[in-house]
Amino acid sequence: MFPSFLPANVQQLTEPESIEFASQIQRVDILTSLLSQAIPTSYIHQGTGGIPLVFLHGFDSSIFEFRRIMPIIAADREVWAIDLLGFGFTERLLNCPFSSASIGTHLAAFWQTKIQQPIVLVGVSMGGAAAIEFTLNNPTTVHKLVLIDSAGFTQPPAMGKLLIQPLGNLATKFLSSPKVRKSVSEKAYFDKNFVTVDAQLCAALHLEMPSWSEALIAFTRSGGYGYLLDRLPEIQQETLILWGKQDRILGIKAAQLFIANLPKARLEWIDNCGHVPHLEQAQITARSILDFI
């Protein structure tokens, strides 16, 4: 029922939308300039029609973030969700670099292999920063841009570059703690009722993938996306900024800063919503995106 590359705990999913989503996850070998061997890359593809939408997930997450919003979008449009290099269920190969630059290289190779037409790029949290960078480097590929409670406006913490061993393993061991992850989830949602056992499993399945810890440490030490700040005014694509009005992860000031620095951006607040509108207010978020495009 489920793809063989997913961790065994996928069998413990209980909510129908999670089970259906997991059963649809695929992998494709993507050749890049990063390695001589192809990178098995996990993704979901749903729907037909119109300019394709491509969803990019947040930090230490996976395409499971989009299990609620993708079926809504797919009723009207073709939509993709991709596990970024070093994250989700995309394979973490030995000697592969894990940085913002390598994520961009891998994403461009996926686009060239599977999509090959202009896209509406939708980035969530760290995925928003990845979407900004991809748009800057591939301006003719991105038709419009959607940023959902996006990272990319603030500098990453300096401590990231200090995650040498054994400190790195201690940090990821702390991050993998069920208690810690539940606490982060509760902070991400406005309505804590969304933090179900099934939701916690969806948010943690990728931790069981080989080299999860090593890849996370390598990406964090690389510095993330802090260098994008000065380049934001270069983006000429129409941009929709969606922001949970009760975001306790990034706060709400960054939303206004994006508006001030992106030439063709507009902002829509989503009320009664935390850091993850695509999960907490999927219907409203989907409708805003569909109206925008």
C-alpha atoms as a PDB file:
ATOM      1  CA  MET A   1       0.000   0.000   0.000  1.00  0.00           C
ATOM      2  CA  PHE A   2       2.847   2.388   0.836  1.00  0.00           C
ATOM      3  CA  PRO A   3       6.081   2.947  -1.108  1.00  0.00           C
ATOM      4  CA  SER A   4       8.890   0.738   0.159  1.00  0.00           C
ATOM      5  CA  PHE A   5      11.301   3.650   0.728  1.00  0.00           C
ATOM      6  CA  LEU A   6       9.075   5.156   3.446  1.00  0.00           C
ATOM      7  CA  PRO A   7       9.899   4.254   7.069  1.00  0.00           C
ATOM      8  CA  ALA A   8       8.028   1.316   8.569  1.00  0.00           C
ATOM      9  CA  ASN A   9       6.143   3.618  10.961  1.00  0.00           C
ATOM     10  CA  VAL A  10       4.080   4.877   8.029  1.00  0.00           C
ATOM     11  CA  GLN A  11       1.854   1.875   8.766  1.00  0.00           C
ATOM     12  CA  GLN A  12       0.767   3.631  11.976  1.00  0.00           C
ATOM     13  CA  LEU A  13      -0.984   6.507  10.182  1.00  0.00           C
ATOM     14  CA  THR A  14      -4.650   6.688  11.111  1.00  0.00           C
ATOM     15  CA  GLU A  15      -6.206   9.726   9.418  1.00  0.00           C
ATOM     16  CA  PRO A  16      -7.574   9.036   5.913  1.00  0.00           C
ATOM     17  CA  GLU A  17      -5.950  12.085   4.290  1.00  0.00           C
ATOM     18  CA  SER A  18      -2.541  11.070   5.670  1.00  0.00           C
ATOM     19  CA  ILE A  19      -2.903   7.469   4.517  1.00  0.00           C
ATOM     20  CA  GLU A  20      -4.034   8.497   1.039  1.00  0.00           C
ATOM     21  CA  PHE A  21      -1.227  11.045   0.724  1.00  0.00           C
ATOM     22  CA  ALA A  22       1.475   8.598   1.837  1.00  0.00           C
ATOM     23  CA  SER A  23       0.282   6.028  -0.680  1.00  0.00           C
ATOM     24  CA  GLN A  24       0.827   8.537  -3.513  1.00  0.00           C
ATOM     25  CA  ILE A  25       4.428   9.499  -2.702  1.00  0.00           C
ATOM     26  CA  GLN A  26       6.798   8.603  -5.535  1.00  0.00           C
ATOM     27  CA  ARG A  27      10.524   8.713  -6.190  1.00  0.00           C
ATOM     28  CA  VAL A  28      12.470   9.592  -9.314  1.00  0.00           C
ATOM     29  CA  ASP A  29      16.225   9.526  -9.948  1.00  0.00           C
ATOM     30  CA  ILE A  30      17.456  13.078 -10.576  1.00  0.00           C
ATOM     31  CA  LEU A  31      20.831  13.691 -12.191  1.00  0.00           C
ATOM     32  CA  THR A  32      22.559  16.854 -11.018  1.00  0.00           C
ATOM     33  CA  SER A  33      25.996  18.483 -11.192  1.00  0.00           C
ATOM     34  CA  LEU A  34      26.426  17.725  -7.483  1.00  0.00           C
ATOM     35  CA  LEU A  35      27.285  14.024  -7.816  1.00  0.00           C
ATOM     36  CA  SER A  36      28.060  11.511 -10.530  1.00  0.00           C
ATOM     37  CA  GLN A  37      25.134   9.362  -9.384  1.00  0.00           C
ATOM     38  CA  ALA A  38      21.453  10.243  -9.549  1.00  0.00           C
ATOM     39  CA  ILE A  39      19.634  11.371  -6.403  1.00  0.00           C
ATOM     40  CA  PRO A  40      16.429   9.415  -5.615  1.00  0.00           C
ATOM     41  CA  THR A  41      13.995  12.280  -5.052  1.00  0.00           C
ATOM     42  CA  SER A  42      10.587  11.963  -3.417  1.00  0.00           C
ATOM     43  CA  TYR A  43       7.590  13.931  -4.631  1.00  0.00           C
ATOM     44  CA  ILE A  44       3.833  13.950  -5.122  1.00  0.00           C
ATOM     45  CA  HIS A  45       2.051  14.949  -8.324  1.00  0.00           C
ATOM     46  CA  GLN A  46      -1.710  15.534  -8.417  1.00  0.00           C
ATOM     47  CA  GLY A  47      -4.257  17.210 -10.670  1.00  0.00           C
ATOM     48  CA  THR A  48      -4.166  18.556 -14.219  1.00  0.00           C
ATOM     49  CA  GLY A  49      -4.675  21.848 -15.985  1.00  0.00           C
ATOM     50  CA  GLY A  50      -3.256  25.365 -15.932  1.00  0.00           C
ATOM     51  CA  ILE A  51       0.221  26.491 -14.970  1.00  0.00           C
ATOM     52  CA  PRO A  52       1.593  23.899 -12.511  1.00  0.00           C
ATOM     53  CA  LEU A  53       2.011  24.821  -8.858  1.00  0.00           C
ATOM     54  CA  VAL A  54       5.094  23.551  -7.039  1.00  0.00           C
ATOM     55  CA  PHE A  55       5.097  23.412  -3.213  1.00  0.00           C
ATOM     56  CA  LEU A  56       8.303  23.573  -1.140  1.00  0.00           C
ATOM     57  CA  HIS A  57       8.216  22.524   2.532  1.00  0.00           C
ATOM     58  CA  GLY A  58       9.857  24.047   5.592  1.00  0.00           C
ATOM     59  CA  PHE A  59      12.974  23.261   7.638  1.00  0.00           C
ATOM     60  CA  ASP A  60      13.306  19.715   8.995  1.00  0.00           C
ATOM     61  CA  SER A  61      10.049  18.762   7.330  1.00  0.00           C
ATOM     62  CA  SER A  62       8.692  16.920   4.311  1.00  0.00           C
ATOM     63  CA  ILE A  63       5.994  16.917   1.660  1.00  0.00           C
ATOM     64  CA  PHE A  64       3.594  15.586   4.312  1.00  0.00           C
ATOM     65  CA  GLU A  65       3.059  19.281   5.121  1.00  0.00           C
ATOM     66  CA  PHE A  66       0.864  19.469   2.034  1.00  0.00           C
ATOM     67  CA  ARG A  67      -1.453  16.530   2.690  1.00  0.00           C
ATOM     68  CA  ARG A  68      -4.412  18.837   3.385  1.00  0.00           C
ATOM     69  CA  ILE A  69      -3.963  21.571   0.790  1.00  0.00           C
ATOM     70  CA  MET A  70      -2.797  19.601  -2.256  1.00  0.00           C
ATOM     71  CA  PRO A  71      -6.064  17.713  -2.874  1.00  0.00           C
ATOM     72  CA  ILE A  72      -7.954  21.027  -2.767  1.00  0.00           C
ATOM     73  CA  ILE A  73      -5.629  22.663  -5.300  1.00  0.00           C
ATOM     74  CA  ALA A  74      -5.556  19.515  -7.440  1.00  0.00           C
ATOM     75  CA  ALA A  75      -9.311  19.753  -8.025  1.00  0.00           C
ATOM     76  CA  ASP A  76      -8.547  22.784 -10.231  1.00  0.00           C
ATOM     77  CA  ARG A  77      -4.851  22.681 -11.114  1.00  0.00           C
ATOM     78  CA  GLU A  78      -1.791  20.535 -11.650  1.00  0.00           C
ATOM     79  CA  VAL A  79       0.250  20.560  -8.450  1.00  0.00           C
ATOM     80  CA  TRP A  80       3.586  19.136  -7.303  1.00  0.00           C
ATOM     81  CA  ALA A  81       5.284  18.875  -3.915  1.00  0.00           C
ATOM     82  CA  ILE A  82       8.999  18.029  -3.732  1.00  0.00           C
ATOM     83  CA  ASP A  83      11.195  16.901  -0.845  1.00  0.00           C
ATOM     84  CA  LEU A  84      14.147  19.272  -0.963  1.00  0.00           C
ATOM     85  CA  LEU A  85      17.692  17.933  -1.018  1.00  0.00           C
ATOM     86  CA  GLY A  86      18.691  16.825   2.487  1.00  0.00           C
ATOM     87  CA  PHE A  87      15.100  16.786   3.730  1.00  0.00           C
ATOM     88  CA  GLY A  88      11.989  14.641   3.738  1.00  0.00           C
ATOM     89  CA  PHE A  89      12.276  11.283   1.987  1.00  0.00           C
ATOM     90  CA  THR A  90      14.726  12.339  -0.721  1.00  0.00           C
ATOM     91  CA  GLU A  91      17.790  10.142  -0.327  1.00  0.00           C
ATOM     92  CA  ARG A  92      20.799  11.656   1.436  1.00  0.00           C
ATOM     93  CA  LEU A  93      23.702  10.235  -0.547  1.00  0.00           C
ATOM     94  CA  LEU A  94      27.268   9.997   0.759  1.00  0.00           C
ATOM     95  CA  ASN A  95      29.455  13.013  -0.150  1.00  0.00           C
ATOM     96  CA  CYS A  96      26.477  15.072  -1.312  1.00  0.00           C
ATOM     97  CA  PRO A  97      26.710  18.726  -0.216  1.00  0.00           C
ATOM     98  CA  PHE A  98      23.756  20.010   1.790  1.00  0.00           C
ATOM     99  CA  SER A  99      23.379  23.769   1.484  1.00  0.00           C
ATOM    100  CA  SER A 100      21.016  26.336   0.031  1.00  0.00           C
ATOM    101  CA  ALA A 101      23.021  26.329  -3.212  1.00  0.00           C
ATOM    102  CA  SER A 102      22.824  22.548  -3.586  1.00  0.00           C
ATOM    103  CA  ILE A 103      19.090  22.631  -2.838  1.00  0.00           C
ATOM    104  CA  GLY A 104      18.687  25.090  -5.721  1.00  0.00           C
ATOM    105  CA  THR A 105      20.755  22.954  -8.068  1.00  0.00           C
ATOM    106  CA  HIS A 106      18.732  19.860  -7.201  1.00  0.00           C
ATOM    107  CA  LEU A 107      15.404  21.678  -7.519  1.00  0.00           C
ATOM    108  CA  ALA A 108      16.362  23.027 -10.954  1.00  0.00           C
ATOM    109  CA  ALA A 109      17.314  19.529 -12.078  1.00  0.00           C
ATOM    110  CA  PHE A 110      13.979  18.156 -10.853  1.00  0.00           C
ATOM    111  CA  TRP A 111      12.134  20.886 -12.767  1.00  0.00           C
ATOM    112  CA  GLN A 112      14.109  20.092 -15.916  1.00  0.00           C
ATOM    113  CA  THR A 113      13.447  16.356 -15.558  1.00  0.00           C
ATOM    114  CA  LYS A 114       9.759  16.314 -14.601  1.00  0.00           C
ATOM    115  CA  ILE A 115       8.061  19.659 -15.283  1.00  0.00           C
ATOM    116  CA  GLN A 116       9.777  21.658 -18.060  1.00  0.00           C
ATOM    117  CA  GLN A 117       7.341  24.570 -18.146  1.00  0.00           C
ATOM    118  CA  PRO A 118       6.781  27.795 -16.188  1.00  0.00           C
ATOM    119  CA  ILE A 119       5.466  27.265 -12.662  1.00  0.00           C
ATOM    120  CA  VAL A 120       3.781  29.023  -9.767  1.00  0.00           C
ATOM    121  CA  LEU A 121       6.228  28.436  -6.927  1.00  0.00           C
ATOM    122  CA  VAL A 122       4.796  28.155  -3.397  1.00  0.00           C
ATOM    123  CA  GLY A 123       7.252  28.206  -0.504  1.00  0.00           C
ATOM    124  CA  VAL A 124       6.426  27.619   3.163  1.00  0.00           C
ATOM    125  CA  SER A 125       8.704  28.853   5.972  1.00  0.00           C
ATOM    126  CA  MET A 126      12.237  27.785   4.942  1.00  0.00           C
ATOM    127  CA  GLY A 127      10.701  26.622   1.658  1.00  0.00           C
ATOM    128  CA  GLY A 128       9.809  30.267   1.076  1.00  0.00           C
ATOM    129  CA  ALA A 129      13.492  31.180   1.227  1.00  0.00           C
ATOM    130  CA  ALA A 130      14.257  28.311  -1.167  1.00  0.00           C
ATOM    131  CA  ALA A 131      11.530  29.617  -3.488  1.00  0.00           C
ATOM    132  CA  ILE A 132      12.970  33.144  -3.384  1.00  0.00           C
ATOM    133  CA  GLU A 133      16.446  31.899  -4.260  1.00  0.00           C
ATOM    134  CA  PHE A 134      15.122  29.684  -7.062  1.00  0.00           C
ATOM    135  CA  THR A 135      13.162  32.607  -8.488  1.00  0.00           C
ATOM    136  CA  LEU A 136      16.219  34.858  -8.431  1.00  0.00           C
ATOM    137  CA  ASN A 137      18.335  32.249 -10.203  1.00  0.00           C
ATOM    138  CA  ASN A 138      15.647  31.029 -12.628  1.00  0.00           C
ATOM    139  CA  PRO A 139      13.468  34.078 -13.359  1.00  0.00           C
ATOM    140  CA  THR A 140      11.997  32.772 -16.615  1.00  0.00           C
ATOM    141  CA  THR A 141      10.902  29.530 -14.929  1.00  0.00           C
ATOM    142  CA  VAL A 142       8.760  31.136 -12.212  1.00  0.00           C
ATOM    143  CA  HIS A 143       5.532  32.737 -13.447  1.00  0.00           C
ATOM    144  CA  LYS A 144       4.291  33.819  -9.999  1.00  0.00           C
ATOM    145  CA  LEU A 145       5.509  33.406  -6.437  1.00  0.00           C
ATOM    146  CA  VAL A 146       3.587  32.562  -3.245  1.00  0.00           C
ATOM    147  CA  LEU A 147       5.251  32.886   0.166  1.00  0.00           C
ATOM    148  CA  ILE A 148       3.522  31.376   3.204  1.00  0.00           C
ATOM    149  CA  ASP A 149       4.909  32.545   6.575  1.00  0.00           C
ATOM    150  CA  SER A 150       8.225  32.640   4.790  1.00  0.00           C
ATOM    151  CA  ALA A 151      11.775  32.612   6.067  1.00  0.00           C
ATOM    152  CA  GLY A 152      14.467  34.488   4.166  1.00  0.00           C
ATOM    153  CA  PHE A 153      14.226  37.922   5.680  1.00  0.00           C
ATOM    154  CA  THR A 154      16.352  37.352   8.757  1.00  0.00           C
ATOM    155  CA  GLN A 155      19.928  36.214   9.193  1.00  0.00           C
ATOM    156  CA  PRO A 156      20.381  32.610  10.420  1.00  0.00           C
ATOM    157  CA  PRO A 157      21.746  32.113  13.950  1.00  0.00           C
ATOM    158  CA  ALA A 158      25.553  32.232  14.070  1.00  0.00           C
ATOM    159  CA  MET A 159      25.603  29.114  16.272  1.00  0.00           C
ATOM    160  CA  GLY A 160      24.731  26.991  13.219  1.00  0.00           C
ATOM    161  CA  LYS A 161      28.312  27.081  11.978  1.00  0.00           C
ATOM    162  CA  LEU A 162      29.502  25.818  15.359  1.00  0.00           C
ATOM    163  CA  LEU A 163      27.633  22.510  15.124  1.00  0.00           C
ATOM    164  CA  ILE A 164      30.766  20.386  15.000  1.00  0.00           C
ATOM    165  CA  GLN A 165      30.650  16.906  16.485  1.00  0.00           C
ATOM    166  CA  PRO A 166      29.662  15.867  19.078  1.00  0.00           C
ATOM    167  CA  LEU A 167      27.572  19.047  19.486  1.00  0.00           C
ATOM    168  CA  GLY A 168      25.758  18.386  16.202  1.00  0.00           C
ATOM    169  CA  ASN A 169      24.552  14.971  17.278  1.00  0.00           C
ATOM    170  CA  LEU A 170      23.454  16.326  20.634  1.00  0.00           C
ATOM    171  CA  ALA A 171      21.457  19.065  18.884  1.00  0.00           C
ATOM    172  CA  THR A 172      19.689  16.694  16.510  1.00  0.00           C
ATOM    173  CA  LYS A 173      19.026  14.209  19.313  1.00  0.00           C
ATOM    174  CA  PHE A 174      17.308  17.033  21.190  1.00  0.00           C
ATOM    175  CA  LEU A 175      15.361  18.022  18.068  1.00  0.00           C
ATOM    176  CA  SER A 176      14.207  14.440  17.495  1.00  0.00           C
ATOM    177  CA  SER A 177      12.730  14.136  20.987  1.00  0.00           C
ATOM    178  CA  PRO A 178       8.952  13.500  20.728  1.00  0.00           C
ATOM    179  CA  LYS A 179       8.377  15.922  23.599  1.00  0.00           C
ATOM    180  CA  VAL A 180      10.336  18.685  21.848  1.00  0.00           C
ATOM    181  CA  ARG A 181       8.661  18.086  18.502  1.00  0.00           C
ATOM    182  CA  LYS A 182       5.205  18.152  20.086  1.00  0.00           C
ATOM    183  CA  SER A 183       6.073  21.434  21.778  1.00  0.00           C
ATOM    184  CA  VAL A 184       7.178  22.949  18.457  1.00  0.00           C
ATOM    185  CA  SER A 185       3.985  21.733  16.763  1.00  0.00           C
ATOM    186  CA  GLU A 186       1.830  23.232  19.496  1.00  0.00           C
ATOM    187  CA  LYS A 187       3.619  26.544  18.991  1.00  0.00           C
ATOM    188  CA  ALA A 188       3.156  26.343  15.210  1.00  0.00           C
ATOM    189  CA  TYR A 189      -0.641  26.013  15.413  1.00  0.00           C
ATOM    190  CA  PHE A 190      -3.128  28.544  16.743  1.00  0.00           C
ATOM    191  CA  ASP A 191      -5.603  25.716  17.422  1.00  0.00           C
ATOM    192  CA  LYS A 192      -3.811  23.019  19.419  1.00  0.00           C
ATOM    193  CA  ASN A 193      -6.480  20.478  18.457  1.00  0.00           C
ATOM    194  CA  PHE A 194      -4.600  20.047  15.176  1.00  0.00           C
ATOM    195  CA  VAL A 195      -1.688  18.475  17.076  1.00  0.00           C
ATOM    196  CA  THR A 196      -3.053  14.928  16.853  1.00  0.00           C
ATOM    197  CA  VAL A 197      -1.108  11.690  17.170  1.00  0.00           C
ATOM    198  CA  ASP A 198      -1.378  11.265  13.406  1.00  0.00           C
ATOM    199  CA  ALA A 199      -0.123  14.818  12.788  1.00  0.00           C
ATOM    200  CA  GLN A 200       2.867  14.178  15.036  1.00  0.00           C
ATOM    201  CA  LEU A 201       3.684  11.017  13.103  1.00  0.00           C
ATOM    202  CA  CYS A 202       3.472  12.877   9.777  1.00  0.00           C
ATOM    203  CA  ALA A 203       5.855  15.502  11.139  1.00  0.00           C
ATOM    204  CA  ALA A 204       8.393  12.954  12.364  1.00  0.00           C
ATOM    205  CA  LEU A 205       8.444  10.145   9.775  1.00  0.00           C
ATOM    206  CA  HIS A 206      11.383  11.635   7.874  1.00  0.00           C
ATOM    207  CA  LEU A 207      13.564  11.478  11.006  1.00  0.00           C
ATOM    208  CA  GLU A 208      13.845   7.738  10.420  1.00  0.00           C
ATOM    209  CA  MET A 209      15.489   8.201   7.021  1.00  0.00           C
ATOM    210  CA  PRO A 210      19.210   7.278   6.780  1.00  0.00           C
ATOM    211  CA  SER A 211      21.594  10.200   7.472  1.00  0.00           C
ATOM    212  CA  TRP A 212      18.823  12.536   8.632  1.00  0.00           C
ATOM    213  CA  SER A 213      21.013  13.897  11.429  1.00  0.00           C
ATOM    214  CA  GLU A 214      24.136  14.331   9.294  1.00  0.00           C
ATOM    215  CA  ALA A 215      22.303  16.184   6.526  1.00  0.00           C
ATOM    216  CA  LEU A 216      20.521  18.487   8.978  1.00  0.00           C
ATOM    217  CA  ILE A 217      23.796  19.382  10.663  1.00  0.00           C
ATOM    218  CA  ALA A 218      25.518  20.011   7.318  1.00  0.00           C
ATOM    219  CA  PHE A 219      22.736  22.289   6.092  1.00  0.00           C
ATOM    220  CA  THR A 220      22.628  24.248   9.348  1.00  0.00           C
ATOM    221  CA  ARG A 221      26.399  24.726   9.330  1.00  0.00           C
ATOM    222  CA  SER A 222      26.257  25.978   5.721  1.00  0.00           C
ATOM    223  CA  GLY A 223      24.469  29.129   6.881  1.00  0.00           C
ATOM    224  CA  GLY A 224      21.017  28.705   5.357  1.00  0.00           C
ATOM    225  CA  TYR A 225      19.423  31.551   3.394  1.00  0.00           C
ATOM    226  CA  GLY A 226      20.454  34.701   5.287  1.00  0.00           C
ATOM    227  CA  TYR A 227      22.194  36.220   2.246  1.00  0.00           C
ATOM    228  CA  LEU A 228      18.903  36.730   0.352  1.00  0.00           C
ATOM    229  CA  LEU A 229      17.957  39.901   2.197  1.00  0.00           C
ATOM    230  CA  ASP A 230      19.648  42.400  -0.143  1.00  0.00           C
ATOM    231  CA  ARG A 231      18.390  40.667  -3.295  1.00  0.00           C
ATOM    232  CA  LEU A 232      14.670  40.727  -2.581  1.00  0.00           C
ATOM    233  CA  PRO A 233      14.031  43.891  -4.671  1.00  0.00           C
ATOM    234  CA  GLU A 234      15.319  42.008  -7.746  1.00  0.00           C
ATOM    235  CA  ILE A 235      12.223  39.783  -7.829  1.00  0.00           C
ATOM    236  CA  GLN A 236       9.858  41.053 -10.511  1.00  0.00           C
ATOM    237  CA  GLN A 237       7.269  38.281 -10.328  1.00  0.00           C
ATOM    238  CA  GLU A 238       3.874  39.039  -8.848  1.00  0.00           C
ATOM    239  CA  THR A 239       4.076  37.704  -5.294  1.00  0.00           C
ATOM    240  CA  LEU A 240       1.335  36.705  -2.869  1.00  0.00           C
ATOM    241  CA  ILE A 241       2.326  36.723   0.791  1.00  0.00           C
ATOM    242  CA  LEU A 242       0.058  34.675   3.037  1.00  0.00           C
ATOM    243  CA  TRP A 243       0.649  34.984   6.766  1.00  0.00           C
ATOM    244  CA  GLY A 244      -0.969  33.443   9.809  1.00  0.00           C
ATOM    245  CA  LYS A 245      -2.059  36.330  12.010  1.00  0.00           C
ATOM    246  CA  GLN A 246      -1.078  34.401  15.149  1.00  0.00           C
ATOM    247  CA  ASP A 247       2.307  33.110  13.913  1.00  0.00           C
ATOM    248  CA  ARG A 248       4.413  32.433  17.008  1.00  0.00           C
ATOM    249  CA  ILE A 249       7.348  30.907  15.111  1.00  0.00           C
ATOM    250  CA  LEU A 250       8.405  33.844  12.908  1.00  0.00           C
ATOM    251  CA  GLY A 251       6.070  36.478  14.301  1.00  0.00           C
ATOM    252  CA  ILE A 252       4.224  38.907  12.052  1.00  0.00           C
ATOM    253  CA  LYS A 253       6.691  41.780  11.488  1.00  0.00           C
ATOM    254  CA  ALA A 254       8.478  39.929   8.687  1.00  0.00           C
ATOM    255  CA  ALA A 255       5.292  39.928   6.607  1.00  0.00           C
ATOM    256  CA  GLN A 256       5.338  43.731   6.417  1.00  0.00           C
ATOM    257  CA  LEU A 257       9.068  43.727   5.681  1.00  0.00           C
ATOM    258  CA  PHE A 258       8.522  41.414   2.714  1.00  0.00           C
ATOM    259  CA  ILE A 259       5.879  43.782   1.374  1.00  0.00           C
ATOM    260  CA  ALA A 260       8.288  46.708   1.698  1.00  0.00           C
ATOM    261  CA  ASN A 261      11.068  44.904  -0.189  1.00  0.00           C
ATOM    262  CA  LEU A 262       9.263  42.906  -2.892  1.00  0.00           C
ATOM    263  CA  PRO A 263       8.246  45.246  -5.740  1.00  0.00           C
ATOM    264  CA  LYS A 264       5.109  43.374  -6.860  1.00  0.00           C
ATOM    265  CA  ALA A 265       3.866  41.790  -3.652  1.00  0.00           C
ATOM    266  CA  ARG A 266       0.570  41.852  -1.819  1.00  0.00           C
ATOM    267  CA  LEU A 267      -0.197  40.566   1.659  1.00  0.00           C
ATOM    268  CA  GLU A 268      -3.183  38.581   2.912  1.00  0.00           C
ATOM    269  CA  TRP A 269      -3.549  37.809   6.598  1.00  0.00           C
ATOM    270  CA  ILE A 270      -5.134  34.518   7.640  1.00  0.00           C
ATOM    271  CA  ASP A 271      -6.919  34.902  10.951  1.00  0.00           C
ATOM    272  CA  ASN A 272      -7.153  32.263  13.687  1.00  0.00           C
ATOM    273  CA  CYS A 273      -4.010  30.733  12.258  1.00  0.00           C
ATOM    274  CA  GLY A 274      -0.421  30.159  13.347  1.00  0.00           C
ATOM    275  CA  HIS A 275       2.718  29.424  11.339  1.00  0.00           C
ATOM    276  CA  VAL A 276       1.187  26.746   9.089  1.00  0.00           C
ATOM    277  CA  PRO A 277      -1.857  28.117   7.190  1.00  0.00           C
ATOM    278  CA  HIS A 278      -1.604  25.298   4.623  1.00  0.00           C
ATOM    279  CA  LEU A 279      -2.315  22.835   7.444  1.00  0.00           C
ATOM    280  CA  GLU A 280      -4.488  24.835   9.821  1.00  0.00           C
ATOM    281  CA  GLN A 281      -6.596  26.790   7.325  1.00  0.00           C
ATOM    282  CA  ALA A 282      -6.149  24.691   4.186  1.00  0.00           C
ATOM    283  CA  GLN A 283      -9.409  25.716   2.489  1.00  0.00           C
ATOM    284  CA  ILE A 284      -8.828  29.444   2.973  1.00  0.00           C
ATOM    285  CA  THR A 285      -5.170  29.191   1.969  1.00  0.00           C
ATOM    286  CA  ALA A 286      -5.996  27.181  -1.160  1.00  0.00           C
ATOM    287  CA  ARG A 287      -8.700  29.647  -2.207  1.00  0.00           C
ATOM    288  CA  SER A 288      -6.331  32.593  -1.782  1.00  0.00           C
ATOM    289  CA  ILE A 289      -3.731  30.874  -3.966  1.00  0.00           C
ATOM    290  CA  LEU A 290      -6.233  29.880  -6.647  1.00  0.00           C
ATOM    291  CA  ASP A 291      -7.681  33.404  -6.757  1.00  0.00           C
ATOM    292  CA  PHE A 292      -4.157  34.825  -7.073  1.00  0.00           C
ATOM    293  CA  ILE A 293      -3.241  32.671 -10.066  1.00  0.00           C
END
